N, C-alpha and C. Protein backbone atom coordinates (compact mmCIF):
# COMPACT_ATOMS: atom_id res chain seq x y z
N MET A 1 0.85 -1.18 0.00
CA MET A 1 0.00 0.00 0.00
C MET A 1 0.89 1.24 0.00
N ILE A 2 0.67 2.14 -0.92
CA ILE A 2 1.40 3.40 -0.99
C ILE A 2 0.60 4.47 -0.25
N ARG A 3 1.23 5.07 0.76
CA ARG A 3 0.59 6.10 1.58
C ARG A 3 0.91 7.46 0.98
N VAL A 4 -0.15 8.28 0.73
CA VAL A 4 0.00 9.55 0.02
C VAL A 4 -0.62 10.69 0.81
N LEU A 5 0.06 11.84 0.79
CA LEU A 5 -0.50 13.10 1.29
C LEU A 5 -0.75 14.00 0.09
N ILE A 6 -1.88 14.70 0.09
CA ILE A 6 -2.22 15.66 -0.97
C ILE A 6 -2.25 17.05 -0.34
N ALA A 7 -1.56 18.01 -0.96
CA ALA A 7 -1.58 19.39 -0.47
C ALA A 7 -1.89 20.34 -1.61
N ASP A 8 -2.98 21.08 -1.45
CA ASP A 8 -3.39 22.10 -2.41
C ASP A 8 -4.34 23.03 -1.67
N ASP A 9 -4.25 24.34 -1.97
CA ASP A 9 -5.11 25.29 -1.28
C ASP A 9 -6.54 25.29 -1.81
N GLU A 10 -6.78 24.60 -2.90
CA GLU A 10 -8.12 24.50 -3.48
C GLU A 10 -8.75 23.15 -3.09
N ALA A 11 -9.81 23.20 -2.31
CA ALA A 11 -10.47 21.97 -1.86
C ALA A 11 -10.95 21.11 -3.02
N MET A 12 -11.42 21.74 -4.08
CA MET A 12 -11.91 20.99 -5.24
C MET A 12 -10.78 20.22 -5.92
N ILE A 13 -9.61 20.80 -5.98
CA ILE A 13 -8.46 20.12 -6.57
C ILE A 13 -8.06 18.93 -5.69
N ARG A 14 -7.99 19.15 -4.37
CA ARG A 14 -7.67 18.04 -3.47
C ARG A 14 -8.66 16.89 -3.65
N ALA A 15 -9.93 17.23 -3.74
CA ALA A 15 -10.96 16.19 -3.91
C ALA A 15 -10.77 15.45 -5.23
N GLY A 16 -10.44 16.17 -6.28
CA GLY A 16 -10.22 15.54 -7.58
C GLY A 16 -9.02 14.63 -7.59
N VAL A 17 -7.92 15.08 -7.01
CA VAL A 17 -6.72 14.25 -6.94
C VAL A 17 -7.00 13.00 -6.09
N ARG A 18 -7.68 13.20 -4.97
CA ARG A 18 -8.05 12.06 -4.12
C ARG A 18 -8.90 11.07 -4.91
N ALA A 19 -9.88 11.56 -5.64
CA ALA A 19 -10.77 10.68 -6.40
C ALA A 19 -9.99 9.85 -7.42
N VAL A 20 -9.04 10.48 -8.08
CA VAL A 20 -8.23 9.75 -9.07
C VAL A 20 -7.33 8.72 -8.38
N LEU A 21 -6.65 9.15 -7.33
CA LEU A 21 -5.71 8.24 -6.66
C LEU A 21 -6.40 7.05 -6.01
N THR A 22 -7.55 7.27 -5.43
CA THR A 22 -8.22 6.18 -4.71
C THR A 22 -8.89 5.16 -5.62
N THR A 23 -8.83 5.38 -6.93
CA THR A 23 -9.31 4.33 -7.84
C THR A 23 -8.34 3.16 -7.87
N ASP A 24 -7.12 3.40 -7.41
CA ASP A 24 -6.12 2.33 -7.33
C ASP A 24 -6.15 1.73 -5.92
N PRO A 25 -6.45 0.45 -5.80
CA PRO A 25 -6.54 -0.15 -4.47
C PRO A 25 -5.20 -0.19 -3.73
N GLY A 26 -4.12 0.08 -4.41
CA GLY A 26 -2.81 0.07 -3.79
C GLY A 26 -2.39 1.42 -3.23
N ILE A 27 -3.28 2.43 -3.32
CA ILE A 27 -2.98 3.78 -2.84
C ILE A 27 -3.93 4.13 -1.71
N ASP A 28 -3.36 4.66 -0.63
CA ASP A 28 -4.13 5.11 0.52
C ASP A 28 -3.80 6.58 0.77
N VAL A 29 -4.76 7.47 0.55
CA VAL A 29 -4.56 8.89 0.84
C VAL A 29 -4.74 9.05 2.34
N VAL A 30 -3.64 9.34 3.04
CA VAL A 30 -3.66 9.37 4.50
C VAL A 30 -3.92 10.75 5.07
N ALA A 31 -3.74 11.81 4.25
CA ALA A 31 -3.96 13.17 4.77
C ALA A 31 -4.07 14.15 3.61
N GLU A 32 -4.73 15.29 3.92
CA GLU A 32 -4.86 16.40 2.98
C GLU A 32 -4.51 17.69 3.71
N ALA A 33 -3.84 18.59 3.01
CA ALA A 33 -3.45 19.87 3.58
C ALA A 33 -3.83 21.00 2.64
N ALA A 34 -4.16 22.17 3.22
CA ALA A 34 -4.55 23.34 2.43
C ALA A 34 -3.41 24.35 2.28
N ASP A 35 -2.30 24.13 2.97
CA ASP A 35 -1.15 25.01 2.80
C ASP A 35 0.12 24.24 3.14
N GLY A 36 1.25 24.85 2.84
CA GLY A 36 2.52 24.19 3.03
C GLY A 36 2.85 23.87 4.48
N ASN A 37 2.49 24.76 5.39
CA ASN A 37 2.74 24.49 6.81
C ASN A 37 2.01 23.23 7.26
N ASP A 38 0.73 23.13 6.91
CA ASP A 38 -0.05 21.94 7.27
C ASP A 38 0.52 20.70 6.60
N ALA A 39 0.98 20.82 5.37
CA ALA A 39 1.55 19.68 4.66
C ALA A 39 2.75 19.12 5.42
N VAL A 40 3.65 20.01 5.83
CA VAL A 40 4.83 19.56 6.57
C VAL A 40 4.42 18.89 7.87
N GLU A 41 3.52 19.49 8.61
CA GLU A 41 3.07 18.91 9.87
C GLU A 41 2.41 17.54 9.67
N LEU A 42 1.56 17.44 8.65
CA LEU A 42 0.87 16.18 8.40
C LEU A 42 1.81 15.09 7.91
N VAL A 43 2.85 15.46 7.17
CA VAL A 43 3.85 14.47 6.76
C VAL A 43 4.57 13.95 8.00
N ARG A 44 4.92 14.85 8.90
CA ARG A 44 5.58 14.41 10.14
C ARG A 44 4.68 13.45 10.93
N ARG A 45 3.40 13.74 10.96
CA ARG A 45 2.45 12.94 11.73
C ARG A 45 2.13 11.60 11.07
N HIS A 46 1.87 11.62 9.76
CA HIS A 46 1.38 10.42 9.07
C HIS A 46 2.44 9.62 8.31
N ARG A 47 3.60 10.20 8.09
CA ARG A 47 4.71 9.53 7.41
C ARG A 47 4.32 8.87 6.08
N PRO A 48 3.71 9.63 5.16
CA PRO A 48 3.37 9.04 3.87
C PRO A 48 4.65 8.75 3.07
N GLN A 49 4.53 7.88 2.10
CA GLN A 49 5.66 7.60 1.22
C GLN A 49 5.77 8.67 0.13
N VAL A 50 4.64 9.28 -0.22
CA VAL A 50 4.59 10.28 -1.30
C VAL A 50 3.80 11.49 -0.83
N ALA A 51 4.30 12.67 -1.18
CA ALA A 51 3.56 13.91 -0.93
C ALA A 51 3.33 14.60 -2.27
N VAL A 52 2.07 14.80 -2.63
CA VAL A 52 1.71 15.51 -3.86
C VAL A 52 1.43 16.95 -3.45
N LEU A 53 2.30 17.87 -3.87
CA LEU A 53 2.24 19.25 -3.40
C LEU A 53 1.98 20.23 -4.53
N ASP A 54 1.02 21.12 -4.32
CA ASP A 54 0.81 22.24 -5.22
C ASP A 54 1.99 23.20 -5.04
N ILE A 55 2.46 23.78 -6.11
CA ILE A 55 3.59 24.71 -6.00
C ILE A 55 3.14 26.02 -5.35
N ARG A 56 1.97 26.52 -5.71
CA ARG A 56 1.48 27.80 -5.18
C ARG A 56 0.43 27.56 -4.10
N MET A 57 0.87 27.75 -2.86
CA MET A 57 -0.03 27.64 -1.71
C MET A 57 0.28 28.78 -0.75
N PRO A 58 -0.69 29.16 0.07
CA PRO A 58 -0.42 30.23 1.04
C PRO A 58 0.53 29.77 2.14
N LYS A 59 1.06 30.75 2.84
CA LYS A 59 1.98 30.56 3.98
C LYS A 59 3.31 30.01 3.51
N VAL A 60 3.37 28.74 3.16
CA VAL A 60 4.58 28.10 2.65
C VAL A 60 4.22 27.44 1.33
N ASN A 61 4.97 27.77 0.26
CA ASN A 61 4.63 27.17 -1.03
C ASN A 61 5.11 25.72 -1.11
N GLY A 62 4.72 25.04 -2.17
CA GLY A 62 5.03 23.62 -2.31
C GLY A 62 6.52 23.32 -2.42
N ILE A 63 7.27 24.22 -3.03
CA ILE A 63 8.71 24.00 -3.15
C ILE A 63 9.38 24.10 -1.78
N GLU A 64 9.00 25.11 -1.01
CA GLU A 64 9.55 25.25 0.34
C GLU A 64 9.12 24.09 1.23
N ALA A 65 7.86 23.68 1.09
CA ALA A 65 7.36 22.54 1.88
C ALA A 65 8.12 21.27 1.52
N ALA A 66 8.37 21.06 0.24
CA ALA A 66 9.11 19.87 -0.19
C ALA A 66 10.51 19.85 0.41
N ALA A 67 11.16 21.01 0.44
CA ALA A 67 12.50 21.09 1.03
C ALA A 67 12.47 20.75 2.51
N GLU A 68 11.48 21.27 3.23
CA GLU A 68 11.36 21.00 4.66
C GLU A 68 11.00 19.53 4.91
N ILE A 69 10.13 18.98 4.08
CA ILE A 69 9.77 17.57 4.20
C ILE A 69 11.01 16.70 3.97
N HIS A 70 11.76 17.03 2.94
CA HIS A 70 12.97 16.24 2.64
C HIS A 70 13.97 16.33 3.79
N ARG A 71 14.07 17.49 4.40
CA ARG A 71 15.01 17.69 5.49
C ARG A 71 14.59 16.94 6.77
N THR A 72 13.29 16.97 7.08
CA THR A 72 12.82 16.42 8.35
C THR A 72 12.27 14.99 8.26
N VAL A 73 11.76 14.61 7.10
CA VAL A 73 11.21 13.25 6.90
C VAL A 73 11.73 12.73 5.56
N PRO A 74 13.01 12.42 5.49
CA PRO A 74 13.60 12.07 4.20
C PRO A 74 13.05 10.80 3.55
N THR A 75 12.32 9.98 4.29
CA THR A 75 11.75 8.78 3.69
C THR A 75 10.53 9.09 2.82
N THR A 76 9.94 10.27 2.99
CA THR A 76 8.82 10.67 2.14
C THR A 76 9.38 11.15 0.81
N GLY A 77 8.86 10.59 -0.27
CA GLY A 77 9.27 11.02 -1.60
C GLY A 77 10.47 10.31 -2.16
N ARG A 78 10.93 9.30 -1.51
CA ARG A 78 12.10 8.58 -2.03
C ARG A 78 11.69 7.30 -2.69
């Protein structure tokens, strides 16, 4: 089972990505975040294998969040 976090500031986009990913029985969406800060915190909490991040999000953008995730939870995204 592949554990995935979805981060996007648009709820409709998160719902759409979740809908597509959950059609695969081997994927489990473990968390959703509306901004980069929440994404980093939820990755620390849920330890997904993959984080799908929007580049443009409030507070912390997806690129900054990815760097922080890689620094603090290096097993995510590898």
